[in-house]
Amino acid sequence: MFRLSLKELKEWVLLLLAAVLIALFLRGFVIEPRYVPTPSMVPTIMVDDRLYVEKLTPRFGTLRRGMIVTFLAPEQTGREDHLVKRLIGMGGDVVAITDGQLFLNGKAVDEPYLNEPMRSDFPEFTVPEGKLFLLGDNRNYSQDSRSWGCIDEECVKGQALFIYYPFSHIGSLWAQAMRFKTLIL
């Protein structure tokens, strides 16, 4: 029969306690899983995808156009959860959609990640300082900054990094954000 001494039992309890504290710290401040219940980011993120979101960039790094971010839902949405959208414009940027084409600071943006061509226009708009303009990749079926306006930079809680489930969708989202600069025509 296997028996633990009191000293060994204390060591196991301390080890398990340390593991739980490390896991809680990582989830609270570094990385956490998220579930996506809506089609607003299709085809980049599908309904029911699960992804990892890193939380360090909004706190200590630099937000960049093209990032897929999670943020607290604006009050106008009537929701109290987190949403996932692509960061398109930052303070001082001029955003417009004409004939289904996104323009950023007067330049057309090639958006190969879109689900389908946009069917609506959006008048030229200058993003206020300290604010962000966000759009879903499934533009024709996404409620985003076109309907509820810009969000405060502080509302961003993380950057979507990686889809981990379902296995058929596994892949990096971070690499897409890094290519965004090259998509401006």
N, C-alpha and C. Protein backbone atom coordinates (compact mmCIF):
# COMPACT_ATOMS: atom_id res chain seq x y z
N MET A 1 0.83 -1.18 0.00
CA MET A 1 0.00 0.00 0.00
C MET A 1 0.88 1.25 0.00
N PHE A 2 0.47 2.22 -0.80
CA PHE A 2 1.23 3.46 -0.95
C PHE A 2 0.84 4.44 0.14
N ARG A 3 1.84 4.98 0.87
CA ARG A 3 1.56 5.94 1.93
C ARG A 3 2.47 7.15 1.78
N LEU A 4 1.90 8.28 2.04
CA LEU A 4 2.67 9.52 2.02
C LEU A 4 2.99 9.94 3.44
N SER A 5 4.21 10.40 3.61
CA SER A 5 4.54 10.96 4.92
C SER A 5 3.92 12.35 5.00
N LEU A 6 3.85 12.89 6.18
CA LEU A 6 3.30 14.23 6.36
C LEU A 6 4.10 15.25 5.57
N LYS A 7 5.42 15.08 5.53
CA LYS A 7 6.27 15.99 4.77
C LYS A 7 5.96 15.90 3.28
N GLU A 8 5.81 14.70 2.74
CA GLU A 8 5.49 14.52 1.33
C GLU A 8 4.11 15.09 1.00
N LEU A 9 3.17 14.91 1.88
CA LEU A 9 1.82 15.45 1.68
C LEU A 9 1.87 16.98 1.60
N LYS A 10 2.62 17.61 2.51
CA LYS A 10 2.77 19.07 2.49
C LYS A 10 3.39 19.53 1.17
N GLU A 11 4.41 18.79 0.71
CA GLU A 11 5.06 19.16 -0.55
C GLU A 11 4.08 19.08 -1.72
N TRP A 12 3.25 18.04 -1.75
CA TRP A 12 2.26 17.90 -2.82
C TRP A 12 1.22 19.01 -2.76
N VAL A 13 0.76 19.34 -1.57
CA VAL A 13 -0.22 20.40 -1.41
C VAL A 13 0.37 21.73 -1.87
N LEU A 14 1.62 22.02 -1.48
CA LEU A 14 2.28 23.27 -1.91
C LEU A 14 2.48 23.29 -3.43
N LEU A 15 2.84 22.16 -4.01
CA LEU A 15 3.02 22.08 -5.45
C LEU A 15 1.70 22.35 -6.19
N LEU A 16 0.63 21.72 -5.73
CA LEU A 16 -0.68 21.93 -6.35
C LEU A 16 -1.15 23.37 -6.16
N LEU A 17 -0.95 23.93 -5.00
CA LEU A 17 -1.33 25.31 -4.74
C LEU A 17 -0.55 26.26 -5.65
N ALA A 18 0.75 26.02 -5.80
CA ALA A 18 1.57 26.85 -6.69
C ALA A 18 1.07 26.73 -8.14
N ALA A 19 0.74 25.53 -8.57
CA ALA A 19 0.24 25.33 -9.94
C ALA A 19 -1.07 26.09 -10.16
N VAL A 20 -1.97 26.05 -9.20
CA VAL A 20 -3.25 26.75 -9.31
C VAL A 20 -3.02 28.26 -9.34
N LEU A 21 -2.15 28.77 -8.50
CA LEU A 21 -1.87 30.21 -8.48
C LEU A 21 -1.22 30.67 -9.79
N ILE A 22 -0.31 29.89 -10.33
CA ILE A 22 0.31 30.23 -11.61
C ILE A 22 -0.73 30.24 -12.72
N ALA A 23 -1.61 29.23 -12.73
CA ALA A 23 -2.66 29.17 -13.76
C ALA A 23 -3.60 30.37 -13.65
N LEU A 24 -3.99 30.74 -12.44
CA LEU A 24 -4.87 31.90 -12.25
C LEU A 24 -4.18 33.19 -12.67
N PHE A 25 -2.90 33.33 -12.37
CA PHE A 25 -2.14 34.50 -12.79
C PHE A 25 -2.08 34.59 -14.31
N LEU A 26 -1.73 33.48 -14.96
CA LEU A 26 -1.64 33.47 -16.42
C LEU A 26 -2.97 33.83 -17.06
N ARG A 27 -4.05 33.24 -16.57
CA ARG A 27 -5.37 33.52 -17.15
C ARG A 27 -5.80 34.97 -16.88
N GLY A 28 -5.49 35.47 -15.74
CA GLY A 28 -5.91 36.82 -15.38
C GLY A 28 -5.12 37.92 -16.05
N PHE A 29 -3.83 37.67 -16.32
CA PHE A 29 -2.97 38.76 -16.79
C PHE A 29 -2.22 38.49 -18.08
N VAL A 30 -2.15 37.24 -18.55
CA VAL A 30 -1.29 36.95 -19.70
C VAL A 30 -2.07 36.38 -20.89
N ILE A 31 -2.77 35.29 -20.70
CA ILE A 31 -3.44 34.63 -21.82
C ILE A 31 -4.70 33.93 -21.30
N GLU A 32 -5.75 33.93 -22.13
CA GLU A 32 -6.97 33.24 -21.73
C GLU A 32 -7.69 32.70 -22.96
N PRO A 33 -8.45 31.65 -22.76
CA PRO A 33 -9.25 31.13 -23.88
C PRO A 33 -10.52 31.94 -24.05
N ARG A 34 -11.01 32.01 -25.27
CA ARG A 34 -12.27 32.70 -25.58
C ARG A 34 -13.07 31.84 -26.56
N TYR A 35 -14.38 31.91 -26.41
CA TYR A 35 -15.32 31.22 -27.28
C TYR A 35 -16.01 32.28 -28.14
N VAL A 36 -16.17 31.99 -29.44
CA VAL A 36 -16.78 32.96 -30.37
C VAL A 36 -18.15 32.42 -30.81
N PRO A 37 -19.25 33.04 -30.34
CA PRO A 37 -20.59 32.52 -30.65
C PRO A 37 -21.26 33.14 -31.88
N THR A 38 -20.65 34.16 -32.50
CA THR A 38 -21.33 34.88 -33.58
C THR A 38 -20.53 34.79 -34.89
N PRO A 39 -21.19 35.07 -36.02
CA PRO A 39 -20.51 34.99 -37.31
C PRO A 39 -19.87 36.31 -37.78
N SER A 40 -19.67 37.28 -36.91
CA SER A 40 -19.19 38.59 -37.36
C SER A 40 -17.75 38.57 -37.89
N MET A 41 -16.97 37.54 -37.57
CA MET A 41 -15.58 37.48 -38.05
C MET A 41 -15.35 36.37 -39.07
N VAL A 42 -16.43 35.75 -39.57
CA VAL A 42 -16.31 34.71 -40.60
C VAL A 42 -15.70 35.35 -41.84
N PRO A 43 -14.80 34.76 -42.55
CA PRO A 43 -14.26 33.41 -42.43
C PRO A 43 -13.01 33.30 -41.57
N THR A 44 -12.50 34.42 -41.04
CA THR A 44 -11.28 34.37 -40.23
C THR A 44 -11.50 33.55 -38.97
N ILE A 45 -12.59 33.84 -38.28
CA ILE A 45 -12.97 33.10 -37.06
C ILE A 45 -14.39 32.63 -37.27
N MET A 46 -14.59 31.33 -37.20
CA MET A 46 -15.90 30.74 -37.45
C MET A 46 -16.73 30.69 -36.17
N VAL A 47 -18.04 30.54 -36.31
CA VAL A 47 -18.93 30.37 -35.17
C VAL A 47 -18.48 29.13 -34.41
N ASP A 48 -18.41 29.22 -33.10
CA ASP A 48 -18.01 28.15 -32.18
C ASP A 48 -16.50 27.92 -32.12
N ASP A 49 -15.70 28.72 -32.81
CA ASP A 49 -14.24 28.59 -32.66
C ASP A 49 -13.85 28.98 -31.25
N ARG A 50 -12.76 28.39 -30.81
CA ARG A 50 -12.18 28.74 -29.53
C ARG A 50 -10.76 29.24 -29.81
N LEU A 51 -10.42 30.34 -29.17
CA LEU A 51 -9.12 30.93 -29.45
C LEU A 51 -8.44 31.40 -28.18
N TYR A 52 -7.13 31.58 -28.31
CA TYR A 52 -6.36 32.13 -27.20
C TYR A 52 -6.17 33.62 -27.45
N VAL A 53 -6.34 34.38 -26.38
CA VAL A 53 -6.19 35.83 -26.42
C VAL A 53 -5.08 36.21 -25.45
N GLU A 54 -4.07 36.92 -25.97
CA GLU A 54 -3.02 37.39 -25.06
C GLU A 54 -3.39 38.78 -24.57
N LYS A 55 -3.10 39.04 -23.29
CA LYS A 55 -3.55 40.26 -22.65
C LYS A 55 -2.44 41.28 -22.39
N LEU A 56 -1.21 40.98 -22.80
CA LEU A 56 -0.10 41.88 -22.51
C LEU A 56 -0.02 43.07 -23.45
N THR A 57 -0.31 42.86 -24.74
CA THR A 57 -0.18 43.94 -25.72
C THR A 57 -1.01 45.17 -25.35
N PRO A 58 -2.30 45.03 -25.00
CA PRO A 58 -3.05 46.25 -24.65
C PRO A 58 -2.48 46.98 -23.42
N ARG A 59 -1.84 46.26 -22.52
CA ARG A 59 -1.32 46.88 -21.31
C ARG A 59 0.07 47.48 -21.51
N PHE A 60 0.94 46.73 -22.20
CA PHE A 60 2.34 47.12 -22.25
C PHE A 60 2.88 47.32 -23.66
N GLY A 61 2.15 46.88 -24.67
CA GLY A 61 2.63 46.95 -26.05
C GLY A 61 1.93 48.04 -26.84
N THR A 62 1.97 47.88 -28.13
CA THR A 62 1.38 48.85 -29.03
C THR A 62 0.29 48.19 -29.86
N LEU A 63 -0.88 48.77 -29.85
CA LEU A 63 -1.95 48.28 -30.72
C LEU A 63 -1.60 48.68 -32.15
N ARG A 64 -1.93 47.79 -33.10
CA ARG A 64 -1.64 48.05 -34.51
C ARG A 64 -2.86 47.75 -35.36
N ARG A 65 -2.99 48.51 -36.45
CA ARG A 65 -4.05 48.25 -37.41
C ARG A 65 -3.93 46.82 -37.92
N GLY A 66 -5.07 46.17 -38.08
CA GLY A 66 -5.08 44.79 -38.57
C GLY A 66 -5.16 43.76 -37.47
N MET A 67 -4.84 44.13 -36.24
CA MET A 67 -4.95 43.19 -35.12
C MET A 67 -6.39 42.76 -34.94
N ILE A 68 -6.58 41.53 -34.54
CA ILE A 68 -7.90 41.07 -34.14
C ILE A 68 -7.91 41.15 -32.62
N VAL A 69 -8.80 41.98 -32.10
CA VAL A 69 -8.80 42.27 -30.67
C VAL A 69 -10.12 41.87 -30.01
N THR A 70 -10.03 41.63 -28.70
CA THR A 70 -11.23 41.44 -27.89
C THR A 70 -11.37 42.70 -27.03
N PHE A 71 -12.61 43.07 -26.78
CA PHE A 71 -12.86 44.30 -26.04
C PHE A 71 -14.23 44.21 -25.38
N LEU A 72 -14.42 45.05 -24.39
CA LEU A 72 -15.72 45.12 -23.72
C LEU A 72 -16.74 45.69 -24.70
N ALA A 73 -17.88 45.05 -24.79
CA ALA A 73 -18.93 45.52 -25.71
C ALA A 73 -19.35 46.93 -25.34
N PRO A 74 -19.45 47.81 -26.32
CA PRO A 74 -19.93 49.17 -26.04
C PRO A 74 -21.35 49.15 -25.47
N GLU A 75 -21.65 50.13 -24.67
CA GLU A 75 -22.96 50.21 -24.02
C GLU A 75 -24.10 50.17 -25.03
N GLN A 76 -23.89 50.79 -26.21
CA GLN A 76 -24.95 50.87 -27.23
C GLN A 76 -25.37 49.49 -27.75
N THR A 77 -24.53 48.48 -27.58
CA THR A 77 -24.87 47.14 -28.08
C THR A 77 -25.87 46.43 -27.18
N GLY A 78 -25.97 46.88 -25.92
CA GLY A 78 -26.86 46.21 -24.98
C GLY A 78 -26.28 44.90 -24.46
N ARG A 79 -25.03 44.61 -24.80
CA ARG A 79 -24.37 43.38 -24.37
C ARG A 79 -23.40 43.68 -23.25
N GLU A 80 -23.10 42.66 -22.45
CA GLU A 80 -22.17 42.85 -21.34
C GLU A 80 -20.95 41.95 -21.46
N ASP A 81 -20.75 41.34 -22.61
CA ASP A 81 -19.64 40.43 -22.77
C ASP A 81 -18.53 41.06 -23.60
N HIS A 82 -17.57 40.26 -24.01
CA HIS A 82 -16.49 40.71 -24.87
C HIS A 82 -16.84 40.43 -26.32
N LEU A 83 -16.41 41.31 -27.21
CA LEU A 83 -16.58 41.12 -28.64
C LEU A 83 -15.21 40.95 -29.29
N VAL A 84 -15.21 40.41 -30.51
CA VAL A 84 -13.97 40.21 -31.26
C VAL A 84 -14.13 40.90 -32.61
N LYS A 85 -13.22 41.80 -32.96
CA LYS A 85 -13.26 42.53 -34.23
C LYS A 85 -11.83 42.83 -34.67
N ARG A 86 -11.70 43.30 -35.92
CA ARG A 86 -10.41 43.70 -36.47
C ARG A 86 -10.23 45.21 -36.26
N LEU A 87 -9.07 45.61 -35.77
CA LEU A 87 -8.74 47.02 -35.56
C LEU A 87 -8.38 47.61 -36.92
N ILE A 88 -9.16 48.57 -37.38
CA ILE A 88 -8.96 49.18 -38.69
C ILE A 88 -8.35 50.57 -38.58
N GLY A 89 -8.90 51.42 -37.72
CA GLY A 89 -8.41 52.79 -37.61
C GLY A 89 -8.10 53.18 -36.19
N MET A 90 -7.07 54.03 -36.05
CA MET A 90 -6.66 54.55 -34.74
C MET A 90 -6.78 56.07 -34.76
N GLY A 91 -6.60 56.69 -33.60
CA GLY A 91 -6.75 58.13 -33.48
C GLY A 91 -6.06 58.90 -34.59
N GLY A 92 -6.82 59.75 -35.29
CA GLY A 92 -6.29 60.56 -36.39
C GLY A 92 -6.46 59.94 -37.76
N ASP A 93 -6.72 58.64 -37.83
CA ASP A 93 -6.93 57.98 -39.13
C ASP A 93 -8.25 58.40 -39.74
N VAL A 94 -8.29 58.45 -41.06
CA VAL A 94 -9.51 58.74 -41.79
C VAL A 94 -9.96 57.44 -42.45
N VAL A 95 -11.18 57.01 -42.10
CA VAL A 95 -11.74 55.76 -42.60
C VAL A 95 -12.95 56.08 -43.47
N ALA A 96 -13.08 55.34 -44.58
CA ALA A 96 -14.26 55.48 -45.44
C ALA A 96 -14.46 54.16 -46.18
N ILE A 97 -15.71 53.89 -46.55
CA ILE A 97 -16.04 52.75 -47.41
C ILE A 97 -16.85 53.30 -48.57
N THR A 98 -16.32 53.13 -49.78
CA THR A 98 -16.98 53.63 -50.98
C THR A 98 -17.07 52.49 -51.99
N ASP A 99 -18.28 52.23 -52.49
CA ASP A 99 -18.51 51.15 -53.45
C ASP A 99 -17.92 49.83 -52.96
N GLY A 100 -18.06 49.57 -51.68
CA GLY A 100 -17.60 48.31 -51.11
C GLY A 100 -16.10 48.23 -50.86
N GLN A 101 -15.37 49.32 -51.06
CA GLN A 101 -13.93 49.34 -50.86
C GLN A 101 -13.58 50.14 -49.61
N LEU A 102 -12.79 49.55 -48.71
CA LEU A 102 -12.32 50.25 -47.52
C LEU A 102 -11.15 51.16 -47.90
N PHE A 103 -11.21 52.41 -47.41
CA PHE A 103 -10.12 53.35 -47.59
C PHE A 103 -9.63 53.77 -46.21
N LEU A 104 -8.32 53.77 -46.05
CA LEU A 104 -7.69 54.20 -44.80
C LEU A 104 -6.70 55.30 -45.14
N ASN A 105 -6.97 56.48 -44.62
CA ASN A 105 -6.12 57.65 -44.90
C ASN A 105 -5.98 57.89 -46.41
N GLY A 106 -7.09 57.72 -47.11
CA GLY A 106 -7.13 57.99 -48.55
C GLY A 106 -6.61 56.88 -49.44
N LYS A 107 -6.13 55.78 -48.84
CA LYS A 107 -5.58 54.67 -49.64
C LYS A 107 -6.49 53.45 -49.52
N ALA A 108 -6.72 52.80 -50.66
CA ALA A 108 -7.53 51.58 -50.67
C ALA A 108 -6.80 50.47 -49.90
N VAL A 109 -7.57 49.66 -49.20
CA VAL A 109 -7.00 48.55 -48.44
C VAL A 109 -7.45 47.24 -49.10
N ASP A 110 -6.50 46.39 -49.45
CA ASP A 110 -6.80 45.06 -49.97
C ASP A 110 -7.14 44.19 -48.76
N GLU A 111 -8.32 43.60 -48.77
CA GLU A 111 -8.77 42.82 -47.62
C GLU A 111 -9.12 41.38 -48.04
N PRO A 112 -8.12 40.54 -48.25
CA PRO A 112 -8.38 39.17 -48.69
C PRO A 112 -9.09 38.32 -47.64
N TYR A 113 -9.15 38.78 -46.41
CA TYR A 113 -9.77 38.03 -45.33
C TYR A 113 -11.29 38.24 -45.27
N LEU A 114 -11.86 39.12 -46.07
CA LEU A 114 -13.30 39.37 -46.03
C LEU A 114 -14.09 38.16 -46.51
N ASN A 115 -15.26 37.97 -45.93
CA ASN A 115 -16.13 36.86 -46.32
C ASN A 115 -16.71 37.07 -47.71
N GLU A 116 -17.09 38.32 -47.99
CA GLU A 116 -17.67 38.67 -49.30
C GLU A 116 -17.54 40.18 -49.47
N PRO A 117 -17.70 40.70 -50.68
CA PRO A 117 -17.61 42.15 -50.88
C PRO A 117 -18.66 42.89 -50.04
N MET A 118 -18.28 44.05 -49.52
CA MET A 118 -19.21 44.85 -48.72
C MET A 118 -20.28 45.44 -49.62
N ARG A 119 -21.51 45.45 -49.10
CA ARG A 119 -22.64 45.96 -49.87
C ARG A 119 -23.07 47.36 -49.42
N SER A 120 -22.35 47.94 -48.49
CA SER A 120 -22.76 49.26 -48.01
C SER A 120 -21.57 50.20 -47.98
N ASP A 121 -21.87 51.47 -47.96
CA ASP A 121 -20.83 52.50 -47.87
C ASP A 121 -20.82 53.08 -46.46
N PHE A 122 -19.73 53.76 -46.16
CA PHE A 122 -19.60 54.46 -44.88
C PHE A 122 -18.90 55.78 -45.18
N PRO A 123 -19.50 56.89 -44.79
CA PRO A 123 -18.92 58.18 -45.15
C PRO A 123 -17.56 58.40 -44.48
N GLU A 124 -16.76 59.23 -45.10
CA GLU A 124 -15.43 59.53 -44.55
C GLU A 124 -15.56 59.98 -43.10
N PHE A 125 -14.71 59.41 -42.25
CA PHE A 125 -14.81 59.64 -40.81
C PHE A 125 -13.40 59.69 -40.23
N THR A 126 -13.12 60.69 -39.42
CA THR A 126 -11.82 60.79 -38.74
C THR A 126 -11.96 60.20 -37.33
N VAL A 127 -11.13 59.22 -37.04
CA VAL A 127 -11.16 58.56 -35.73
C VAL A 127 -10.59 59.53 -34.69
N PRO A 128 -11.34 59.82 -33.62
CA PRO A 128 -10.84 60.73 -32.58
C PRO A 128 -9.62 60.14 -31.86
N GLU A 129 -8.77 61.00 -31.34
CA GLU A 129 -7.60 60.55 -30.57
C GLU A 129 -8.06 59.71 -29.38
N GLY A 130 -7.33 58.65 -29.10
CA GLY A 130 -7.66 57.77 -27.97
C GLY A 130 -8.76 56.78 -28.27
N LYS A 131 -9.25 56.78 -29.52
CA LYS A 131 -10.34 55.89 -29.91
C LYS A 131 -9.87 54.91 -30.98
N LEU A 132 -10.66 53.86 -31.19
CA LEU A 132 -10.36 52.84 -32.20
C LEU A 132 -11.60 52.57 -33.04
N PHE A 133 -11.39 52.35 -34.33
CA PHE A 133 -12.46 52.01 -35.28
C PHE A 133 -12.29 50.53 -35.62
N LEU A 134 -13.31 49.72 -35.30
CA LEU A 134 -13.23 48.27 -35.44
C LEU A 134 -14.29 47.75 -36.41
N LEU A 135 -13.92 46.77 -37.22
CA LEU A 135 -14.86 46.15 -38.15
C LEU A 135 -14.76 44.63 -38.05
N GLY A 136 -15.89 43.96 -38.26
CA GLY A 136 -15.88 42.51 -38.39
C GLY A 136 -15.47 42.13 -39.80
N ASP A 137 -14.91 40.94 -39.97
CA ASP A 137 -14.51 40.49 -41.31
C ASP A 137 -15.71 40.06 -42.15
N ASN A 138 -16.81 39.77 -41.50
CA ASN A 138 -18.05 39.40 -42.19
C ASN A 138 -18.90 40.68 -42.25
N ARG A 139 -18.41 41.67 -42.99
CA ARG A 139 -18.91 43.04 -42.93
C ARG A 139 -20.41 43.20 -43.16
N ASN A 140 -20.98 42.38 -44.02
CA ASN A 140 -22.40 42.52 -44.31
C ASN A 140 -23.29 42.00 -43.18
N TYR A 141 -22.70 41.29 -42.22
CA TYR A 141 -23.47 40.73 -41.11
C TYR A 141 -22.81 41.03 -39.78
N SER A 142 -22.11 42.12 -39.69
CA SER A 142 -21.40 42.47 -38.46
C SER A 142 -21.87 43.81 -37.93
N GLN A 143 -22.17 43.84 -36.65
CA GLN A 143 -22.39 45.13 -35.99
C GLN A 143 -21.03 45.54 -35.44
N ASP A 144 -20.59 46.71 -35.82
CA ASP A 144 -19.24 47.14 -35.46
C ASP A 144 -19.22 48.67 -35.37
N SER A 145 -18.06 49.28 -35.53
CA SER A 145 -17.95 50.73 -35.38
C SER A 145 -18.83 51.50 -36.33
N ARG A 146 -19.26 50.89 -37.41
CA ARG A 146 -20.18 51.58 -38.33
C ARG A 146 -21.55 51.80 -37.67
N SER A 147 -21.92 50.93 -36.74
CA SER A 147 -23.23 51.07 -36.09
C SER A 147 -23.14 51.65 -34.68
N TRP A 148 -22.09 51.34 -33.90
CA TRP A 148 -22.02 51.85 -32.54
C TRP A 148 -20.85 52.78 -32.29
N GLY A 149 -20.12 53.16 -33.32
CA GLY A 149 -19.06 54.15 -33.17
C GLY A 149 -17.74 53.55 -32.70
N CYS A 150 -16.82 54.43 -32.39
CA CYS A 150 -15.48 54.02 -31.96
C CYS A 150 -15.51 53.62 -30.49
N ILE A 151 -14.48 52.86 -30.10
CA ILE A 151 -14.34 52.50 -28.68
C ILE A 151 -13.09 53.18 -28.13
N ASP A 152 -13.04 53.32 -26.81
CA ASP A 152 -11.83 53.83 -26.16
C ASP A 152 -10.74 52.78 -26.23
N GLU A 153 -9.49 53.21 -26.40
CA GLU A 153 -8.37 52.28 -26.45
C GLU A 153 -8.32 51.40 -25.21
N GLU A 154 -8.69 51.95 -24.05
CA GLU A 154 -8.64 51.20 -22.80
C GLU A 154 -9.61 50.02 -22.76
N CYS A 155 -10.60 50.02 -23.65
CA CYS A 155 -11.58 48.93 -23.67
C CYS A 155 -11.01 47.64 -24.25
N VAL A 156 -9.89 47.74 -24.98
CA VAL A 156 -9.29 46.53 -25.56
C VAL A 156 -8.69 45.70 -24.44
N LYS A 157 -9.09 44.44 -24.39
CA LYS A 157 -8.64 43.53 -23.33
C LYS A 157 -7.58 42.54 -23.80
N GLY A 158 -7.50 42.32 -25.11
CA GLY A 158 -6.51 41.37 -25.58
C GLY A 158 -6.45 41.30 -27.09
N GLN A 159 -5.46 40.58 -27.56
CA GLN A 159 -5.26 40.34 -28.99
C GLN A 159 -5.45 38.85 -29.25
N ALA A 160 -6.32 38.53 -30.20
CA ALA A 160 -6.54 37.13 -30.56
C ALA A 160 -5.28 36.61 -31.24
N LEU A 161 -4.73 35.52 -30.73
CA LEU A 161 -3.47 34.99 -31.26
C LEU A 161 -3.63 33.73 -32.07
N PHE A 162 -4.48 32.81 -31.58
CA PHE A 162 -4.44 31.46 -32.13
C PHE A 162 -5.78 30.76 -31.94
N ILE A 163 -6.28 30.15 -33.00
CA ILE A 163 -7.48 29.31 -32.89
C ILE A 163 -7.00 27.91 -32.51
N TYR A 164 -7.50 27.38 -31.39
CA TYR A 164 -7.05 26.06 -30.95
C TYR A 164 -8.11 24.97 -31.10
N TYR A 165 -9.35 25.37 -31.36
CA TYR A 165 -10.40 24.38 -31.55
C TYR A 165 -11.54 24.99 -32.35
N PRO A 166 -12.17 24.25 -33.24
CA PRO A 166 -11.97 22.84 -33.56
C PRO A 166 -10.65 22.63 -34.32
N PHE A 167 -10.18 21.42 -34.28
CA PHE A 167 -8.88 21.12 -34.86
C PHE A 167 -8.80 21.46 -36.34
N SER A 168 -9.92 21.43 -37.03
CA SER A 168 -9.92 21.75 -38.46
C SER A 168 -9.65 23.24 -38.72
N HIS A 169 -9.77 24.08 -37.68
CA HIS A 169 -9.54 25.53 -37.83
C HIS A 169 -8.27 26.01 -37.16
N ILE A 170 -7.48 25.12 -36.61
CA ILE A 170 -6.28 25.53 -35.88
C ILE A 170 -5.43 26.44 -36.76
N GLY A 171 -4.99 27.54 -36.18
CA GLY A 171 -4.12 28.44 -36.93
C GLY A 171 -3.87 29.74 -36.22
N SER A 172 -2.85 30.45 -36.70
CA SER A 172 -2.42 31.72 -36.13
C SER A 172 -3.26 32.87 -36.66
N LEU A 173 -3.67 33.74 -35.77
CA LEU A 173 -4.35 34.99 -36.15
C LEU A 173 -3.36 36.15 -36.10
N TRP A 174 -2.30 35.98 -35.35
CA TRP A 174 -1.29 37.02 -35.18
C TRP A 174 -0.62 37.35 -36.50
N ALA A 175 -0.33 36.34 -37.31
CA ALA A 175 0.35 36.56 -38.59
C ALA A 175 -0.46 37.47 -39.51
N GLN A 176 -1.78 37.35 -39.48
CA GLN A 176 -2.63 38.22 -40.30
C GLN A 176 -2.45 39.68 -39.94
N ALA A 177 -2.37 39.96 -38.66
CA ALA A 177 -2.22 41.35 -38.22
C ALA A 177 -0.89 41.92 -38.70
N MET A 178 0.13 41.11 -38.74
CA MET A 178 1.44 41.58 -39.17
C MET A 178 1.46 41.92 -40.66
N ARG A 179 0.60 41.30 -41.45
CA ARG A 179 0.55 41.55 -42.89
C ARG A 179 -0.32 42.75 -43.26
N PHE A 180 -1.06 43.31 -42.32
CA PHE A 180 -2.02 44.36 -42.62
C PHE A 180 -1.38 45.55 -43.31
N LYS A 181 -0.19 45.97 -42.90
CA LYS A 181 0.48 47.14 -43.51
C LYS A 181 0.67 46.94 -45.00
N THR A 182 0.94 45.71 -45.40
CA THR A 182 1.20 45.45 -46.82
C THR A 182 -0.09 45.42 -47.63
N LEU A 183 -1.25 45.42 -46.98
CA LEU A 183 -2.52 45.34 -47.69
C LEU A 183 -3.03 46.70 -48.14
N ILE A 184 -2.38 47.78 -47.68
CA ILE A 184 -2.80 49.11 -48.11
C ILE A 184 -2.21 49.35 -49.49
N LEU A 185 -3.09 49.52 -50.47
CA LEU A 185 -2.66 49.61 -51.87
C LEU A 185 -2.03 50.93 -52.22
